Protein backbone atom coordinates (compact mmCIF):
# COMPACT_ATOMS: atom_id res chain seq x y z
CA UNK A 1 8.39 -32.11 49.56
CA UNK A 2 9.40 -31.89 45.93
CA UNK A 3 12.27 -34.11 44.82
CA UNK A 4 14.53 -33.55 41.82
CA UNK A 5 16.70 -36.58 41.07
CA UNK A 6 18.44 -36.12 37.76
CA UNK A 7 21.41 -34.38 36.20
CA UNK A 8 22.68 -30.92 35.35
CA UNK A 9 25.37 -29.78 32.94
CA UNK A 10 28.49 -28.43 34.62
CA UNK A 11 30.75 -25.98 32.82
CA UNK A 12 33.53 -26.74 35.31
CA UNK A 13 33.38 -30.48 34.62
CA UNK A 14 32.44 -30.25 30.96
CA UNK A 15 29.75 -32.90 31.34
CA UNK A 16 26.39 -33.82 32.83
CA UNK A 17 26.58 -34.83 36.48
CA UNK A 18 24.13 -36.27 38.98
CA UNK A 19 22.20 -34.02 41.35
CA UNK A 20 19.48 -34.55 43.95
CA UNK A 21 17.50 -31.62 45.33
CA UNK A 22 14.76 -31.60 47.95
CA UNK A 23 12.50 -28.52 47.98
CA UNK A 24 9.82 -27.55 50.53
CA UNK A 25 7.79 -25.17 48.40
CA UNK A 26 4.96 -27.50 47.42
CA UNK A 27 3.93 -28.08 51.06
CA UNK A 28 4.99 -25.00 53.00
CA UNK A 29 5.50 -25.32 56.73
CA UNK A 30 4.88 -22.71 59.37
CA UNK A 31 7.20 -19.69 59.00
CA UNK A 32 8.24 -20.83 55.52
CA UNK A 33 10.93 -18.61 54.03
CA UNK A 34 11.01 -17.65 50.33
CA UNK A 35 13.56 -18.19 48.99
CA UNK A 36 14.30 -20.87 51.58
CA UNK A 37 17.43 -21.71 53.50
CA UNK A 38 19.66 -24.35 51.93
CA UNK A 39 21.88 -27.12 53.22
CA UNK A 40 24.31 -28.80 50.84
CA UNK A 41 24.85 -32.44 51.84
CA UNK A 42 28.03 -34.06 50.54
CA UNK A 43 28.45 -37.80 50.05
CA UNK A 44 31.35 -40.04 51.01
CA UNK A 45 33.87 -42.05 49.01
CA UNK A 46 32.16 -44.59 46.79
CA UNK A 47 28.72 -42.97 47.18
CA UNK A 48 26.35 -41.08 44.88
CA UNK A 49 24.28 -37.93 45.00
CA UNK A 50 21.27 -39.89 46.31
CA UNK A 51 23.17 -41.57 49.15
CA UNK A 52 21.79 -39.26 51.84
CA UNK A 53 18.24 -39.98 50.69
CA UNK A 54 18.76 -43.75 50.72
CA UNK A 55 20.68 -43.92 53.98
CA UNK A 56 18.84 -41.48 56.21
CA UNK A 57 15.51 -39.77 56.89
CA UNK A 58 16.92 -36.38 55.93
CA UNK A 59 14.05 -35.71 53.50
CA UNK A 60 11.60 -35.89 56.41
CA UNK A 61 13.79 -33.55 58.43
CA UNK A 62 13.95 -31.05 55.56
CA UNK A 63 10.16 -31.06 55.30
CA UNK A 64 9.76 -30.36 59.01
CA UNK A 65 12.33 -27.54 58.89
CA UNK A 66 11.19 -26.05 55.56
CA UNK A 67 14.67 -26.06 54.06
CA UNK A 68 16.15 -27.13 50.74
CA UNK A 69 18.76 -29.88 50.42
CA UNK A 70 21.33 -29.83 47.62
CA UNK A 71 23.13 -33.15 47.09
CA UNK A 72 25.77 -33.14 44.32
CA UNK A 73 27.78 -36.01 42.90
CA UNK A 74 31.58 -35.82 42.80
CA UNK A 75 32.62 -39.44 42.18
CA UNK A 76 35.82 -40.32 44.13
CA UNK A 77 37.40 -36.88 43.69
CA UNK A 78 37.88 -36.03 47.40
CA UNK A 79 36.22 -32.69 46.54
CA UNK A 80 39.36 -31.55 44.79
CA UNK A 81 40.35 -29.87 41.54
CA UNK A 82 42.27 -32.92 40.41
CA UNK A 83 45.86 -32.75 39.20
CA UNK A 84 44.97 -35.09 36.33
CA UNK A 85 41.22 -34.90 36.12
CA UNK A 86 38.17 -32.75 36.67
CA UNK A 87 37.61 -29.63 38.77
CA UNK A 88 35.17 -31.01 41.30
CA UNK A 89 35.97 -28.50 44.05
CA UNK A 90 35.31 -25.57 41.72
CA UNK A 91 32.07 -27.23 40.67
CA UNK A 92 30.75 -27.84 44.21
CA UNK A 93 31.95 -24.63 45.85
CA UNK A 94 31.48 -22.09 43.05
CA UNK A 95 29.41 -23.26 40.10
CA UNK A 96 26.76 -25.39 41.81
CA UNK A 97 25.47 -22.76 44.29
CA UNK A 98 24.89 -20.28 41.47
CA UNK A 99 23.31 -22.92 39.26
CA UNK A 100 20.91 -24.08 41.97
CA UNK A 101 19.88 -20.56 42.91
CA UNK A 102 18.81 -19.94 39.30
CA UNK A 103 17.02 -23.24 38.81
CA UNK A 104 15.42 -23.85 42.22
CA UNK A 105 14.90 -20.36 43.71
CA UNK A 106 16.83 -20.98 46.92
CA UNK A 107 18.40 -18.28 49.04
CA UNK A 108 21.90 -17.07 48.22
CA UNK A 109 22.31 -15.14 51.47
CA UNK A 110 25.29 -16.24 53.54
CA UNK A 111 23.19 -16.52 56.69
CA UNK A 112 20.88 -18.96 54.89
CA UNK A 113 23.61 -21.16 53.41
CA UNK A 114 24.99 -24.23 55.19
CA UNK A 115 27.05 -27.24 54.14
CA UNK A 116 27.63 -30.64 55.72
CA UNK A 117 28.98 -34.04 54.76
CA UNK A 118 29.94 -37.50 55.92
CA UNK A 119 33.40 -39.09 55.71
CA UNK A 120 34.96 -37.75 52.47
CA UNK A 121 32.05 -35.32 52.36
CA UNK A 122 32.94 -34.04 55.83
CA UNK A 123 36.30 -33.06 54.46
CA UNK A 124 34.60 -31.44 51.48
CA UNK A 125 32.18 -29.47 53.64
CA UNK A 126 34.93 -28.00 55.84
CA UNK A 127 37.07 -27.30 52.80
CA UNK A 128 34.27 -25.35 51.10
CA UNK A 129 33.44 -23.29 54.18
CA UNK A 130 37.03 -22.55 55.17
CA UNK A 131 38.02 -21.62 51.61
CA UNK A 132 34.96 -19.43 51.02
CA UNK A 133 33.69 -18.32 54.45
CA UNK A 134 31.98 -15.40 52.74
CA UNK A 135 29.55 -17.92 51.19
CA UNK A 136 28.80 -20.30 54.07
CA UNK A 137 27.59 -19.32 57.51
CA UNK A 138 28.41 -22.77 58.90
CA UNK A 139 29.73 -26.22 58.03
CA UNK A 140 29.48 -29.64 59.66
CA UNK A 141 31.60 -32.77 59.32
CA UNK A 142 30.44 -36.23 60.39
CA UNK A 143 33.17 -38.88 60.74
CA UNK A 144 35.14 -36.66 58.40
CA UNK A 145 38.32 -37.47 56.50
CA UNK A 146 39.65 -34.28 58.04
CA UNK A 147 43.36 -35.18 57.91
CA UNK A 148 44.33 -36.73 54.59
CA UNK A 149 48.01 -36.93 55.54
CA UNK A 150 47.15 -38.94 58.66
CA UNK A 151 44.98 -41.30 56.61
CA UNK A 152 47.76 -41.87 54.09
CA UNK A 153 50.28 -42.64 56.84
CA UNK A 154 48.08 -44.73 59.14
CA UNK A 155 45.58 -46.35 56.77
CA UNK A 156 47.67 -47.28 53.72
CA UNK A 157 44.89 -49.38 52.20
CA UNK A 158 42.25 -46.63 52.46
CA UNK A 159 43.17 -45.05 49.12
CA UNK A 160 44.66 -46.53 45.97
CA UNK A 161 48.02 -44.86 45.30
CA UNK A 162 47.49 -44.50 41.57
CA UNK A 163 44.05 -43.02 42.14
CA UNK A 164 45.51 -40.52 44.60
CA UNK A 165 48.18 -39.53 42.07
CA UNK A 166 45.42 -38.65 39.65
CA UNK A 167 43.97 -36.34 42.30
CA UNK A 168 47.03 -34.86 44.01
CA UNK A 169 49.82 -35.41 41.48
CA UNK A 170 52.60 -37.97 41.05
CA UNK A 171 54.33 -36.98 44.31
CA UNK A 172 51.08 -37.00 46.30
CA UNK A 173 51.87 -33.48 47.43
CA UNK A 174 49.32 -31.99 49.82
CA UNK A 175 49.02 -28.41 48.61
CA UNK A 176 47.85 -25.74 51.08
CA UNK A 177 44.45 -25.37 49.40
CA UNK A 178 43.73 -29.03 50.22
CA UNK A 179 45.01 -28.93 53.82
CA UNK A 180 42.24 -28.21 56.35
CA UNK A 181 44.72 -27.06 58.98
CA UNK A 182 46.14 -24.46 56.63
CA UNK A 183 42.64 -23.33 55.65
CA UNK A 184 41.52 -23.14 59.30
CA UNK A 185 44.52 -21.04 60.26
CA UNK A 186 43.90 -18.74 57.30
CA UNK A 187 40.23 -18.33 58.26
CA UNK A 188 41.17 -17.67 61.89
CA UNK A 189 42.77 -14.39 60.81
CA UNK A 190 39.37 -13.04 59.75
CA UNK A 191 37.02 -11.30 62.12
CA UNK A 192 34.48 -13.45 63.99
CA UNK A 193 31.65 -12.20 61.79
CA UNK A 194 33.55 -13.22 58.66
CA UNK A 195 34.31 -16.77 59.81
CA UNK A 196 32.19 -19.83 59.09
CA UNK A 197 31.10 -21.67 62.22
CA UNK A 198 32.39 -25.25 62.33
CA UNK A 199 30.75 -28.32 63.87
CA UNK A 200 32.18 -31.85 63.98
CA UNK A 201 31.05 -35.26 65.20
CA UNK A 202 32.83 -38.59 65.25
CA UNK A 203 32.07 -41.96 66.83
CA UNK A 204 34.51 -43.36 69.36
CA UNK A 205 34.65 -46.69 67.48
CA UNK A 206 35.21 -45.03 64.08
CA UNK A 207 38.48 -45.87 62.31
CA UNK A 208 38.87 -42.13 61.63
CA UNK A 209 38.43 -41.26 65.32
CA UNK A 210 42.16 -40.63 66.03
CA UNK A 211 42.47 -38.20 63.13
CA UNK A 212 39.28 -36.40 64.19
CA UNK A 213 40.61 -36.03 67.72
CA UNK A 214 43.86 -34.63 66.38
CA UNK A 215 42.03 -32.13 64.20
CA UNK A 216 39.68 -31.22 67.06
CA UNK A 217 42.68 -30.45 69.27
CA UNK A 218 44.15 -28.27 66.55
CA UNK A 219 40.89 -26.39 66.01
CA UNK A 220 40.66 -25.69 69.73
CA UNK A 221 43.91 -23.72 69.51
CA UNK A 222 42.45 -21.28 66.98
CA UNK A 223 40.07 -18.34 67.54
CA UNK A 224 37.33 -19.95 65.42
CA UNK A 225 33.70 -20.66 66.46
CA UNK A 226 34.02 -24.43 66.76
CA UNK A 227 32.05 -27.22 68.41
CA UNK A 228 32.80 -30.92 68.59
CA UNK A 229 30.67 -33.83 69.81
CA UNK A 230 31.42 -37.53 70.15
CA UNK A 231 29.63 -40.60 71.44
CA UNK A 232 29.82 -44.35 70.99
CA UNK A 233 29.40 -45.05 67.29
CA UNK A 234 31.01 -46.36 64.14
CA UNK A 235 31.41 -45.26 60.53
CA UNK A 236 27.79 -45.94 59.60
CA UNK A 237 24.34 -44.51 58.96
CA UNK A 238 23.17 -44.91 62.54
CA UNK A 239 25.79 -42.41 63.60
CA UNK A 240 25.27 -40.06 60.64
CA UNK A 241 21.49 -40.02 61.12
CA UNK A 242 21.97 -38.90 64.69
CA UNK A 243 24.55 -36.33 63.61
CA UNK A 244 22.38 -34.67 60.96
CA UNK A 245 19.47 -34.51 63.40
CA UNK A 246 21.64 -32.59 65.84
CA UNK A 247 22.70 -30.17 63.11
CA UNK A 248 19.24 -29.51 61.66
CA UNK A 249 17.24 -29.41 64.90
CA UNK A 250 19.66 -28.10 67.50
CA UNK A 251 22.83 -26.59 66.08
CA UNK A 252 21.79 -24.88 62.84
CA UNK A 253 18.93 -22.84 64.39
CA UNK A 254 21.42 -21.24 66.80
CA UNK A 255 23.96 -20.28 64.12
């Protein structure tokens, strides 16, 4: 596998930003596709673009599957166009896919494009796919921060209030474009072929487990292709390693 670990210039952010990319082209596997399928992997709060590489064996998995991995860096932005800051959601969902297709020769076909993330990145992955289902065939969330309102009410120490005001505004208003329930309901009005398929996992001992159960129950009321799995596990790499294996080896090939 080829590994790019460096930076790119983002027009949306107006600065250089970290990016890790894993490419299979130097050692093609059986049935290699050119340009290859791509999975964007989003990091959690307090992490970096190389977090997935340091915490899991995802590079080995990508080699075996012959796929590209795109791992951007978004700081602590919660994958949002910040009220008083940078446009990280625009960067990840719109600018970065086009930039990577030009630089790394990866597929831009919807059926070849997937996105997944852990914790804050799980929220970001679902937000990208539900906002732009025409771009992503499927999205996966692992231990995702899928209900920001629930986190604010039940885990008051999870986010710094002043930091959140920089992201969501002084009144901490959750606008519709940042609410996964609103985005899911909006996507549910599309035809089945136009919807992104959604997959979620969460460990039963995870502090975000109650919010994931609540969001799972809501998703089950909508006509959206949705699958949820849970098992004993916490908010850690042991659980996320198992989750990404399920996605890459079992779930993604059937999408």
